[in-house]
Amino acid sequence: MASSQENLFDDIYQVVRLIPVGRVTSYGAIAQYLGTKAGARMVGWAMNACHSMPDVPAHRVVNRNGVLSGKHHFGGNVMQERLEAEGVKVENDKIIDFNKHFWNPSTELL
């Protein structure tokens, strides 16, 4: 029997898989969409746990200010390189034109 945390992680991964190429979202936006009381921190833990899952584009999840706060979990500049390969410009570990690239699951997934 799976724990509730495992089920929540699966729900988080399902949302992350829906983030379109060239778009990003925040830990908090995912938590809000899922209505999880654990909040953004739980989404962060899920992102940290999925680096061996190639079908979960964790590089598209950033903090509420567009900062690549999880970049150290990717090693080197992998997170930035993946975003830039999708057309998202990053400078000093922060997404340029964050609002233009922001994908809000609460409004996009109706």
PDB file of N, CA and C in Angstrom:
ATOM      1  N   MET A   1       0.852  -1.188   0.000  1.00  0.00           N
ATOM      2  CA  MET A   1       0.000   0.000   0.000  1.00  0.00           C
ATOM      3  C   MET A   1       0.889   1.240   0.000  1.00  0.00           C
ATOM      4  N   ALA A   2       0.650   2.147  -0.911  1.00  0.00           N
ATOM      5  CA  ALA A   2       1.471   3.355  -1.032  1.00  0.00           C
ATOM      6  C   ALA A   2       1.118   4.348   0.074  1.00  0.00           C
ATOM      7  N   SER A   3       2.120   5.071   0.520  1.00  0.00           N
ATOM      8  CA  SER A   3       1.882   6.098   1.539  1.00  0.00           C
ATOM      9  C   SER A   3       1.218   7.306   0.896  1.00  0.00           C
ATOM     10  N   SER A   4       0.633   8.154   1.720  1.00  0.00           N
ATOM     11  CA  SER A   4      -0.003   9.356   1.186  1.00  0.00           C
ATOM     12  C   SER A   4       1.031  10.279   0.547  1.00  0.00           C
ATOM     13  N   GLN A   5       2.277  10.258   1.077  1.00  0.00           N
ATOM     14  CA  GLN A   5       3.327  11.084   0.465  1.00  0.00           C
ATOM     15  C   GLN A   5       3.641  10.591  -0.933  1.00  0.00           C
ATOM     16  N   GLU A   6       3.718   9.270  -1.108  1.00  0.00           N
ATOM     17  CA  GLU A   6       3.979   8.730  -2.450  1.00  0.00           C
ATOM     18  C   GLU A   6       2.860   9.108  -3.401  1.00  0.00           C
ATOM     19  N   ASN A   7       1.614   9.040  -2.942  1.00  0.00           N
ATOM     20  CA  ASN A   7       0.482   9.426  -3.782  1.00  0.00           C
ATOM     21  C   ASN A   7       0.558  10.903  -4.136  1.00  0.00           C
ATOM     22  N   LEU A   8       0.915  11.743  -3.167  1.00  0.00           N
ATOM     23  CA  LEU A   8       1.046  13.172  -3.429  1.00  0.00           C
ATOM     24  C   LEU A   8       2.173  13.420  -4.428  1.00  0.00           C
ATOM     25  N   PHE A   9       3.306  12.743  -4.266  1.00  0.00           N
ATOM     26  CA  PHE A   9       4.402  12.892  -5.225  1.00  0.00           C
ATOM     27  C   PHE A   9       3.922  12.520  -6.625  1.00  0.00           C
ATOM     28  N   ASP A  10       3.165  11.426  -6.750  1.00  0.00           N
ATOM     29  CA  ASP A  10       2.645  11.027  -8.064  1.00  0.00           C
ATOM     30  C   ASP A  10       1.754  12.118  -8.650  1.00  0.00           C
ATOM     31  N   ASP A  11       0.906  12.727  -7.810  1.00  0.00           N
ATOM     32  CA  ASP A  11       0.046  13.821  -8.273  1.00  0.00           C
ATOM     33  C   ASP A  11       0.882  15.003  -8.749  1.00  0.00           C
ATOM     34  N   ILE A  12       1.931  15.315  -7.992  1.00  0.00           N
ATOM     35  CA  ILE A  12       2.834  16.415  -8.363  1.00  0.00           C
ATOM     36  C   ILE A  12       3.486  16.117  -9.711  1.00  0.00           C
ATOM     37  N   TYR A  13       3.991  14.895  -9.870  1.00  0.00           N
ATOM     38  CA  TYR A  13       4.658  14.527 -11.121  1.00  0.00           C
ATOM     39  C   TYR A  13       3.699  14.601 -12.306  1.00  0.00           C
ATOM     40  N   GLN A  14       2.424  14.248 -12.082  1.00  0.00           N
ATOM     41  CA  GLN A  14       1.447  14.335 -13.165  1.00  0.00           C
ATOM     42  C   GLN A  14       1.289  15.782 -13.629  1.00  0.00           C
ATOM     43  N   VAL A  15       1.261  16.723 -12.691  1.00  0.00           N
ATOM     44  CA  VAL A  15       1.145  18.140 -13.050  1.00  0.00           C
ATOM     45  C   VAL A  15       2.410  18.607 -13.770  1.00  0.00           C
ATOM     46  N   VAL A  16       3.584  18.245 -13.243  1.00  0.00           N
ATOM     47  CA  VAL A  16       4.848  18.684 -13.836  1.00  0.00           C
ATOM     48  C   VAL A  16       4.977  18.177 -15.272  1.00  0.00           C
ATOM     49  N   ARG A  17       4.502  16.976 -15.526  1.00  0.00           N
ATOM     50  CA  ARG A  17       4.557  16.433 -16.893  1.00  0.00           C
ATOM     51  C   ARG A  17       3.723  17.255 -17.875  1.00  0.00           C
ATOM     52  N   LEU A  18       2.777  18.037 -17.382  1.00  0.00           N
ATOM     53  CA  LEU A  18       1.900  18.837 -18.238  1.00  0.00           C
ATOM     54  C   LEU A  18       2.453  20.228 -18.558  1.00  0.00           C
ATOM     55  N   ILE A  19       3.535  20.629 -17.891  1.00  0.00           N
ATOM     56  CA  ILE A  19       4.115  21.951 -18.152  1.00  0.00           C
ATOM     57  C   ILE A  19       4.656  21.951 -19.584  1.00  0.00           C
ATOM     58  N   PRO A  20       4.169  22.849 -20.409  1.00  0.00           N
ATOM     59  CA  PRO A  20       4.614  22.862 -21.804  1.00  0.00           C
ATOM     60  C   PRO A  20       6.101  23.234 -21.946  1.00  0.00           C
ATOM     61  N   VAL A  21       6.699  22.768 -23.010  1.00  0.00           N
ATOM     62  CA  VAL A  21       8.070  23.142 -23.352  1.00  0.00           C
ATOM     63  C   VAL A  21       8.138  24.661 -23.459  1.00  0.00           C
ATOM     64  N   GLY A  22       9.173  25.246 -22.871  1.00  0.00           N
ATOM     65  CA  GLY A  22       9.356  26.692 -22.939  1.00  0.00           C
ATOM     66  C   GLY A  22       8.580  27.461 -21.889  1.00  0.00           C
ATOM     67  N   ARG A  23       7.944  26.752 -20.977  1.00  0.00           N
ATOM     68  CA  ARG A  23       7.180  27.383 -19.903  1.00  0.00           C
ATOM     69  C   ARG A  23       7.723  26.871 -18.568  1.00  0.00           C
ATOM     70  N   VAL A  24       7.447  27.596 -17.513  1.00  0.00           N
ATOM     71  CA  VAL A  24       7.864  27.201 -16.170  1.00  0.00           C
ATOM     72  C   VAL A  24       6.723  27.468 -15.198  1.00  0.00           C
ATOM     73  N   THR A  25       6.788  26.819 -14.064  1.00  0.00           N
ATOM     74  CA  THR A  25       5.841  27.094 -12.994  1.00  0.00           C
ATOM     75  C   THR A  25       6.601  27.091 -11.679  1.00  0.00           C
ATOM     76  N   SER A  26       5.890  27.395 -10.610  1.00  0.00           N
ATOM     77  CA  SER A  26       6.534  27.462  -9.301  1.00  0.00           C
ATOM     78  C   SER A  26       6.055  26.328  -8.402  1.00  0.00           C
ATOM     79  N   TYR A  27       6.837  26.060  -7.381  1.00  0.00           N
ATOM     80  CA  TYR A  27       6.471  25.047  -6.395  1.00  0.00           C
ATOM     81  C   TYR A  27       5.106  25.385  -5.798  1.00  0.00           C
ATOM     82  N   GLY A  28       4.926  26.652  -5.452  1.00  0.00           N
ATOM     83  CA  GLY A  28       3.685  27.097  -4.830  1.00  0.00           C
ATOM     84  C   GLY A  28       2.483  26.982  -5.743  1.00  0.00           C
ATOM     85  N   ALA A  29       2.657  27.254  -7.041  1.00  0.00           N
ATOM     86  CA  ALA A  29       1.544  27.152  -7.990  1.00  0.00           C
ATOM     87  C   ALA A  29       1.068  25.704  -8.104  1.00  0.00           C
ATOM     88  N   ILE A  30       2.001  24.771  -8.077  1.00  0.00           N
ATOM     89  CA  ILE A  30       1.629  23.351  -8.124  1.00  0.00           C
ATOM     90  C   ILE A  30       0.902  22.968  -6.838  1.00  0.00           C
ATOM     91  N   ALA A  31       1.433  23.394  -5.696  1.00  0.00           N
ATOM     92  CA  ALA A  31       0.807  23.083  -4.403  1.00  0.00           C
ATOM     93  C   ALA A  31      -0.606  23.656  -4.347  1.00  0.00           C
ATOM     94  N   GLN A  32      -0.768  24.885  -4.819  1.00  0.00           N
ATOM     95  CA  GLN A  32      -2.086  25.524  -4.813  1.00  0.00           C
ATOM     96  C   GLN A  32      -3.054  24.751  -5.704  1.00  0.00           C
ATOM     97  N   TYR A  33      -2.603  24.369  -6.881  1.00  0.00           N
ATOM     98  CA  TYR A  33      -3.456  23.623  -7.807  1.00  0.00           C
ATOM     99  C   TYR A  33      -3.923  22.315  -7.176  1.00  0.00           C
ATOM    100  N   LEU A  34      -3.010  21.621  -6.507  1.00  0.00           N
ATOM    101  CA  LEU A  34      -3.345  20.333  -5.906  1.00  0.00           C
ATOM    102  C   LEU A  34      -4.075  20.477  -4.571  1.00  0.00           C
ATOM    103  N   GLY A  35      -4.063  21.693  -4.024  1.00  0.00           N
ATOM    104  CA  GLY A  35      -4.725  21.914  -2.745  1.00  0.00           C
ATOM    105  C   GLY A  35      -4.048  21.197  -1.595  1.00  0.00           C
ATOM    106  N   THR A  36      -2.741  21.022  -1.713  1.00  0.00           N
ATOM    107  CA  THR A  36      -2.012  20.311  -0.664  1.00  0.00           C
ATOM    108  C   THR A  36      -1.677  21.234   0.494  1.00  0.00           C
ATOM    109  N   LYS A  37      -1.989  20.785   1.678  1.00  0.00           N
ATOM    110  CA  LYS A  37      -1.685  21.566   2.876  1.00  0.00           C
ATOM    111  C   LYS A  37      -0.182  21.602   3.134  1.00  0.00           C
ATOM    112  N   ALA A  38       0.538  20.625   2.584  1.00  0.00           N
ATOM    113  CA  ALA A  38       1.990  20.573   2.778  1.00  0.00           C
ATOM    114  C   ALA A  38       2.690  21.703   2.037  1.00  0.00           C
ATOM    115  N   GLY A  39       2.049  22.227   1.008  1.00  0.00           N
ATOM    116  CA  GLY A  39       2.541  23.401   0.318  1.00  0.00           C
ATOM    117  C   GLY A  39       3.741  23.208  -0.576  1.00  0.00           C
ATOM    118  N   ALA A  40       4.355  24.357  -0.868  1.00  0.00           N
ATOM    119  CA  ALA A  40       5.465  24.423  -1.818  1.00  0.00           C
ATOM    120  C   ALA A  40       6.638  23.560  -1.385  1.00  0.00           C
ATOM    121  N   ARG A  41       6.875  23.463  -0.104  1.00  0.00           N
ATOM    122  CA  ARG A  41       8.011  22.666   0.378  1.00  0.00           C
ATOM    123  C   ARG A  41       7.870  21.202  -0.042  1.00  0.00           C
ATOM    124  N   MET A  42       6.660  20.663   0.048  1.00  0.00           N
ATOM    125  CA  MET A  42       6.430  19.268  -0.361  1.00  0.00           C
ATOM    126  C   MET A  42       6.677  19.112  -1.859  1.00  0.00           C
ATOM    127  N   VAL A  43       6.285  20.089  -2.640  1.00  0.00           N
ATOM    128  CA  VAL A  43       6.543  20.040  -4.085  1.00  0.00           C
ATOM    129  C   VAL A  43       8.056  20.032  -4.319  1.00  0.00           C
ATOM    130  N   GLY A  44       8.784  20.837  -3.564  1.00  0.00           N
ATOM    131  CA  GLY A  44      10.244  20.840  -3.663  1.00  0.00           C
ATOM    132  C   GLY A  44      10.841  19.483  -3.335  1.00  0.00           C
ATOM    133  N   TRP A  45      10.334  18.855  -2.302  1.00  0.00           N
ATOM    134  CA  TRP A  45      10.834  17.512  -1.946  1.00  0.00           C
ATOM    135  C   TRP A  45      10.558  16.517  -3.073  1.00  0.00           C
ATOM    136  N   ALA A  46       9.372  16.639  -3.675  1.00  0.00           N
ATOM    137  CA  ALA A  46       9.045  15.751  -4.796  1.00  0.00           C
ATOM    138  C   ALA A  46      10.005  15.984  -5.961  1.00  0.00           C
ATOM    139  N   MET A  47      10.314  17.253  -6.250  1.00  0.00           N
ATOM    140  CA  MET A  47      11.239  17.555  -7.348  1.00  0.00           C
ATOM    141  C   MET A  47      12.622  16.993  -7.044  1.00  0.00           C
ATOM    142  N   ASN A  48      13.054  17.089  -5.794  1.00  0.00           N
ATOM    143  CA  ASN A  48      14.365  16.555  -5.421  1.00  0.00           C
ATOM    144  C   ASN A  48      14.417  15.041  -5.571  1.00  0.00           C
ATOM    145  N   ALA A  49      13.266  14.389  -5.445  1.00  0.00           N
ATOM    146  CA  ALA A  49      13.224  12.928  -5.487  1.00  0.00           C
ATOM    147  C   ALA A  49      13.043  12.367  -6.895  1.00  0.00           C
ATOM    148  N   CYS A  50      12.881  13.217  -7.909  1.00  0.00           N
ATOM    149  CA  CYS A  50      12.532  12.691  -9.234  1.00  0.00           C
ATOM    150  C   CYS A  50      13.649  12.779 -10.270  1.00  0.00           C
ATOM    151  N   HIS A  51      14.855  13.039  -9.854  1.00  0.00           N
ATOM    152  CA  HIS A  51      15.920  13.238 -10.839  1.00  0.00           C
ATOM    153  C   HIS A  51      16.283  11.990 -11.628  1.00  0.00           C
ATOM    154  N   SER A  52      15.840  10.825 -11.160  1.00  0.00           N
ATOM    155  CA  SER A  52      16.082   9.609 -11.936  1.00  0.00           C
ATOM    156  C   SER A  52      14.892   9.281 -12.838  1.00  0.00           C
ATOM    157  N   MET A  53      13.924  10.200 -12.907  1.00  0.00           N
ATOM    158  CA  MET A  53      12.721   9.992 -13.721  1.00  0.00           C
ATOM    159  C   MET A  53      12.781  10.919 -14.940  1.00  0.00           C
ATOM    160  N   PRO A  54      13.261  10.412 -16.075  1.00  0.00           N
ATOM    161  CA  PRO A  54      13.445  11.279 -17.244  1.00  0.00           C
ATOM    162  C   PRO A  54      12.154  11.864 -17.799  1.00  0.00           C
ATOM    163  N   ASP A  55      11.010  11.300 -17.438  1.00  0.00           N
ATOM    164  CA  ASP A  55       9.738  11.805 -17.972  1.00  0.00           C
ATOM    165  C   ASP A  55       9.140  12.928 -17.122  1.00  0.00           C
ATOM    166  N   VAL A  56       9.841  13.347 -16.055  1.00  0.00           N
ATOM    167  CA  VAL A  56       9.365  14.445 -15.207  1.00  0.00           C
ATOM    168  C   VAL A  56      10.300  15.638 -15.434  1.00  0.00           C
ATOM    169  N   PRO A  57       9.834  16.672 -16.134  1.00  0.00           N
ATOM    170  CA  PRO A  57      10.693  17.822 -16.452  1.00  0.00           C
ATOM    171  C   PRO A  57      10.851  18.776 -15.251  1.00  0.00           C
ATOM    172  N   ALA A  58      11.554  18.305 -14.236  1.00  0.00           N
ATOM    173  CA  ALA A  58      11.736  19.071 -13.000  1.00  0.00           C
ATOM    174  C   ALA A  58      12.423  20.407 -13.242  1.00  0.00           C
ATOM    175  N   HIS A  59      13.166  20.532 -14.337  1.00  0.00           N
ATOM    176  CA  HIS A  59      13.858  21.791 -14.629  1.00  0.00           C
ATOM    177  C   HIS A  59      12.880  22.927 -14.887  1.00  0.00           C
ATOM    178  N   ARG A  60      11.615  22.611 -15.132  1.00  0.00           N
ATOM    179  CA  ARG A  60      10.607  23.641 -15.401  1.00  0.00           C
ATOM    180  C   ARG A  60       9.926  24.152 -14.134  1.00  0.00           C
ATOM    181  N   VAL A  61      10.384  23.699 -12.978  1.00  0.00           N
ATOM    182  CA  VAL A  61       9.797  24.139 -11.704  1.00  0.00           C
ATOM    183  C   VAL A  61      10.821  24.995 -10.965  1.00  0.00           C
ATOM    184  N   VAL A  62      10.441  26.238 -10.695  1.00  0.00           N
ATOM    185  CA  VAL A  62      11.338  27.216 -10.068  1.00  0.00           C
ATOM    186  C   VAL A  62      10.628  27.859  -8.876  1.00  0.00           C
ATOM    187  N   ASN A  63      11.314  28.739  -8.185  1.00  0.00           N
ATOM    188  CA  ASN A  63      10.635  29.387  -7.065  1.00  0.00           C
ATOM    189  C   ASN A  63       9.727  30.506  -7.559  1.00  0.00           C
ATOM    190  N   ARG A  64       8.985  31.107  -6.669  1.00  0.00           N
ATOM    191  CA  ARG A  64       7.950  32.095  -7.047  1.00  0.00           C
ATOM    192  C   ARG A  64       8.505  33.346  -7.697  1.00  0.00           C
ATOM    193  N   ASN A  65       9.825  33.564  -7.579  1.00  0.00           N
ATOM    194  CA  ASN A  65      10.462  34.729  -8.192  1.00  0.00           C
ATOM    195  C   ASN A  65      11.178  34.388  -9.499  1.00  0.00           C
ATOM    196  N   GLY A  66      11.055  33.130  -9.933  1.00  0.00           N
ATOM    197  CA  GLY A  66      11.716  32.717 -11.167  1.00  0.00           C
ATOM    198  C   GLY A  66      13.169  32.339 -10.987  1.00  0.00           C
ATOM    199  N   VAL A  67      13.577  32.110  -9.747  1.00  0.00           N
ATOM    200  CA  VAL A  67      14.957  31.728  -9.462  1.00  0.00           C
ATOM    201  C   VAL A  67      15.096  30.206  -9.543  1.00  0.00           C
ATOM    202  N   LEU A  68      16.190  29.756 -10.127  1.00  0.00           N
ATOM    203  CA  LEU A  68      16.463  28.323 -10.256  1.00  0.00           C
ATOM    204  C   LEU A  68      16.939  27.773  -8.915  1.00  0.00           C
ATOM    205  N   SER A  69      16.061  27.760  -7.950  1.00  0.00           N
ATOM    206  CA  SER A  69      16.433  27.390  -6.579  1.00  0.00           C
ATOM    207  C   SER A  69      16.819  25.922  -6.448  1.00  0.00           C
ATOM    208  N   GLY A  70      16.394  25.074  -7.372  1.00  0.00           N
ATOM    209  CA  GLY A  70      16.738  23.659  -7.296  1.00  0.00           C
ATOM    210  C   GLY A  70      17.901  23.257  -8.176  1.00  0.00           C
ATOM    211  N   LYS A  71      18.616  24.236  -8.711  1.00  0.00           N
ATOM    212  CA  LYS A  71      19.650  23.934  -9.710  1.00  0.00           C
ATOM    213  C   LYS A  71      20.765  23.036  -9.186  1.00  0.00           C
ATOM    214  N   HIS A  72      21.091  23.132  -7.897  1.00  0.00           N
ATOM    215  CA  HIS A  72      22.191  22.312  -7.363  1.00  0.00           C
ATOM    216  C   HIS A  72      21.851  20.818  -7.390  1.00  0.00           C
ATOM    217  N   HIS A  73      20.574  20.468  -7.475  1.00  0.00           N
ATOM    218  CA  HIS A  73      20.191  19.060  -7.549  1.00  0.00           C
ATOM    219  C   HIS A  73      20.439  18.470  -8.932  1.00  0.00           C
ATOM    220  N   PHE A  74      20.609  19.323  -9.938  1.00  0.00           N
ATOM    221  CA  PHE A  74      20.875  18.867 -11.292  1.00  0.00           C
ATOM    222  C   PHE A  74      22.367  18.717 -11.553  1.00  0.00           C
ATOM    223  N   GLY A  75      23.179  19.446 -10.799  1.00  0.00           N
ATOM    224  CA  GLY A  75      24.614  19.454 -11.024  1.00  0.00           C
ATOM    225  C   GLY A  75      24.987  20.449 -12.102  1.00  0.00           C
ATOM    226  N   GLY A  76      26.038  21.205 -11.856  1.00  0.00           N
ATOM    227  CA  GLY A  76      26.511  22.189 -12.835  1.00  0.00           C
ATOM    228  C   GLY A  76      25.421  23.152 -13.247  1.00  0.00           C
ATOM    229  N   ASN A  77      25.345  23.421 -14.555  1.00  0.00           N
ATOM    230  CA  ASN A  77      24.332  24.330 -15.109  1.00  0.00           C
ATOM    231  C   ASN A  77      23.263  23.583 -15.897  1.00  0.00           C
ATOM    232  N   VAL A  78      23.027  22.321 -15.556  1.00  0.00           N
ATOM    233  CA  VAL A  78      22.102  21.484 -16.322  1.00  0.00           C
ATOM    234  C   VAL A  78      20.700  22.089 -16.365  1.00  0.00           C
ATOM    235  N   MET A  79      20.208  22.590 -15.235  1.00  0.00           N
ATOM    236  CA  MET A  79      18.862  23.157 -15.200  1.00  0.00           C
ATOM    237  C   MET A  79      18.759  24.340 -16.166  1.00  0.00           C
ATOM    238  N   GLN A  80      19.723  25.245 -16.098  1.00  0.00           N
ATOM    239  CA  GLN A  80      19.739  26.406 -16.989  1.00  0.00           C
ATOM    240  C   GLN A  80      19.868  25.967 -18.438  1.00  0.00           C
ATOM    241  N   GLU A  81      20.736  25.010 -18.711  1.00  0.00           N
ATOM    242  CA  GLU A  81      20.931  24.545 -20.087  1.00  0.00           C
ATOM    243  C   GLU A  81      19.653  23.956 -20.663  1.00  0.00           C
ATOM    244  N   ARG A  82      18.928  23.187 -19.849  1.00  0.00           N
ATOM    245  CA  ARG A  82      17.670  22.593 -20.327  1.00  0.00           C
ATOM    246  C   ARG A  82      16.636  23.674 -20.619  1.00  0.00           C
ATOM    247  N   LEU A  83      16.537  24.658 -19.736  1.00  0.00           N
ATOM    248  CA  LEU A  83      15.578  25.749 -19.955  1.00  0.00           C
ATOM    249  C   LEU A  83      15.943  26.550 -21.199  1.00  0.00           C
ATOM    250  N   GLU A  84      17.216  26.866 -21.349  1.00  0.00           N
ATOM    251  CA  GLU A  84      17.636  27.649 -22.512  1.00  0.00           C
ATOM    252  C   GLU A  84      17.439  26.883 -23.812  1.00  0.00           C
ATOM    253  N   ALA A  85      17.582  25.565 -23.770  1.00  0.00           N
ATOM    254  CA  ALA A  85      17.330  24.745 -24.959  1.00  0.00           C
ATOM    255  C   ALA A  85      15.855  24.812 -25.364  1.00  0.00           C
ATOM    256  N   GLU A  86      14.997  25.186 -24.414  1.00  0.00           N
ATOM    257  CA  GLU A  86      13.560  25.321 -24.673  1.00  0.00           C
ATOM    258  C   GLU A  86      13.167  26.775 -24.948  1.00  0.00           C
ATOM    259  N   GLY A  87      14.164  27.670 -25.025  1.00  0.00           N
ATOM    260  CA  GLY A  87      13.889  29.061 -25.346  1.00  0.00           C
ATOM    261  C   GLY A  87      13.660  29.971 -24.150  1.00  0.00           C
ATOM    262  N   VAL A  88      13.948  29.479 -22.955  1.00  0.00           N
ATOM    263  CA  VAL A  88      13.789  30.290 -21.748  1.00  0.00           C
ATOM    264  C   VAL A  88      15.146  30.877 -21.394  1.00  0.00           C
ATOM    265  N   LYS A  89      15.244  32.192 -21.395  1.00  0.00           N
ATOM    266  CA  LYS A  89      16.515  32.846 -21.092  1.00  0.00           C
ATOM    267  C   LYS A  89      16.700  32.964 -19.582  1.00  0.00           C
ATOM    268  N   VAL A  90      17.915  32.639 -19.145  1.00  0.00           N
ATOM    269  CA  VAL A  90      18.256  32.673 -17.723  1.00  0.00           C
ATOM    270  C   VAL A  90      19.500  33.521 -17.543  1.00  0.00           C
ATOM    271  N   GLU A  91      19.465  34.401 -16.554  1.00  0.00           N
ATOM    272  CA  GLU A  91      20.610  35.242 -16.230  1.00  0.00           C
ATOM    273  C   GLU A  91      20.776  35.266 -14.720  1.00  0.00           C
ATOM    274  N   ASN A  92      21.984  34.983 -14.260  1.00  0.00           N
ATOM    275  CA  ASN A  92      22.269  34.951 -12.818  1.00  0.00           C
ATOM    276  C   ASN A  92      21.285  34.063 -12.070  1.00  0.00           C
ATOM    277  N   ASP A  93      21.032  32.879 -12.622  1.00  0.00           N
ATOM    278  CA  ASP A  93      20.133  31.875 -12.029  1.00  0.00           C
ATOM    279  C   ASP A  93      18.688  32.335 -11.905  1.00  0.00           C
ATOM    280  N   LYS A  94      18.288  33.310 -12.710  1.00  0.00           N
ATOM    281  CA  LYS A  94      16.914  33.808 -12.666  1.00  0.00           C
ATOM    282  C   LYS A  94      16.357  33.894 -14.088  1.00  0.00           C
ATOM    283  N   ILE A  95      15.099  33.496 -14.244  1.00  0.00           N
ATOM    284  CA  ILE A  95      14.459  33.516 -15.555  1.00  0.00           C
ATOM    285  C   ILE A  95      14.141  34.951 -15.961  1.00  0.00           C
ATOM    286  N   ILE A  96      14.561  35.308 -17.173  1.00  0.00           N
ATOM    287  CA  ILE A  96      14.257  36.619 -17.737  1.00  0.00           C
ATOM    288  C   ILE A  96      12.815  36.561 -18.269  1.00  0.00           C
ATOM    289  N   ASP A  97      12.067  37.626 -18.041  1.00  0.00           N
ATOM    290  CA  ASP A  97      10.652  37.666 -18.450  1.00  0.00           C
ATOM    291  C   ASP A  97       9.871  36.508 -17.835  1.00  0.00           C
ATOM    292  N   PHE A  98      10.054  36.318 -16.541  1.00  0.00           N
ATOM    293  CA  PHE A  98       9.418  35.212 -15.827  1.00  0.00           C
ATOM    294  C   PHE A  98       7.907  35.165 -16.072  1.00  0.00           C
ATOM    295  N   ASN A  99       7.243  36.303 -15.995  1.00  0.00           N
ATOM    296  CA  ASN A  99       5.782  36.317 -16.179  1.00  0.00           C
ATOM    297  C   ASN A  99       5.366  35.831 -17.561  1.00  0.00           C
ATOM    298  N   LYS A 100       6.189  36.095 -18.556  1.00  0.00           N
ATOM    299  CA  LYS A 100       5.899  35.655 -19.924  1.00  0.00           C
ATOM    300  C   LYS A 100       5.964  34.122 -20.029  1.00  0.00           C
ATOM    301  N   HIS A 101       6.842  33.515 -19.273  1.00  0.00           N
ATOM    302  CA  HIS A 101       7.047  32.065 -19.335  1.00  0.00           C
ATOM    303  C   HIS A 101       6.238  31.300 -18.290  1.00  0.00           C
ATOM    304  N   PHE A 102       5.650  32.026 -17.332  1.00  0.00           N
ATOM    305  CA  PHE A 102       4.973  31.370 -16.213  1.00  0.00           C
ATOM    306  C   PHE A 102       3.713  30.634 -16.662  1.00  0.00           C
ATOM    307  N   TRP A 103       3.599  29.397 -16.239  1.00  0.00           N
ATOM    308  CA  TRP A 103       2.452  28.542 -16.525  1.00  0.00           C
ATOM    309  C   TRP A 103       1.778  28.229 -15.201  1.00  0.00           C
ATOM    310  N   ASN A 104       0.529  28.657 -15.056  1.00  0.00           N
ATOM    311  CA  ASN A 104      -0.201  28.461 -13.809  1.00  0.00           C
ATOM    312  C   ASN A 104      -1.189  27.319 -13.993  1.00  0.00           C
ATOM    313  N   PRO A 105      -0.953  26.185 -13.338  1.00  0.00           N
ATOM    314  CA  PRO A 105      -1.857  25.048 -13.534  1.00  0.00           C
ATOM    315  C   PRO A 105      -3.292  25.354 -13.109  1.00  0.00           C
ATOM    316  N   SER A 106      -3.483  26.276 -12.171  1.00  0.00           N
ATOM    317  CA  SER A 106      -4.841  26.587 -11.713  1.00  0.00           C
ATOM    318  C   SER A 106      -5.678  27.284 -12.778  1.00  0.00           C
ATOM    319  N   THR A 107      -5.008  27.968 -13.714  1.00  0.00           N
ATOM    320  CA  THR A 107      -5.751  28.624 -14.798  1.00  0.00           C
ATOM    321  C   THR A 107      -5.612  27.884 -16.125  1.00  0.00           C
ATOM    322  N   GLU A 108      -4.527  27.162 -16.300  1.00  0.00           N
ATOM    323  CA  GLU A 108      -4.288  26.461 -17.559  1.00  0.00           C
ATOM    324  C   GLU A 108      -4.986  25.094 -17.616  1.00  0.00           C
ATOM    325  N   LEU A 109      -5.172  24.478 -16.477  1.00  0.00           N
ATOM    326  CA  LEU A 109      -5.787  23.149 -16.417  1.00  0.00           C
ATOM    327  C   LEU A 109      -7.192  23.269 -15.832  1.00  0.00           C
ATOM    328  N   LEU A 110      -8.120  23.625 -16.639  1.00  0.00           N
ATOM    329  CA  LEU A 110      -9.503  23.808 -16.156  1.00  0.00           C
ATOM    330  C   LEU A 110     -10.325  22.554 -16.339  1.00  0.00           C
TER     331      LEU A 110
END
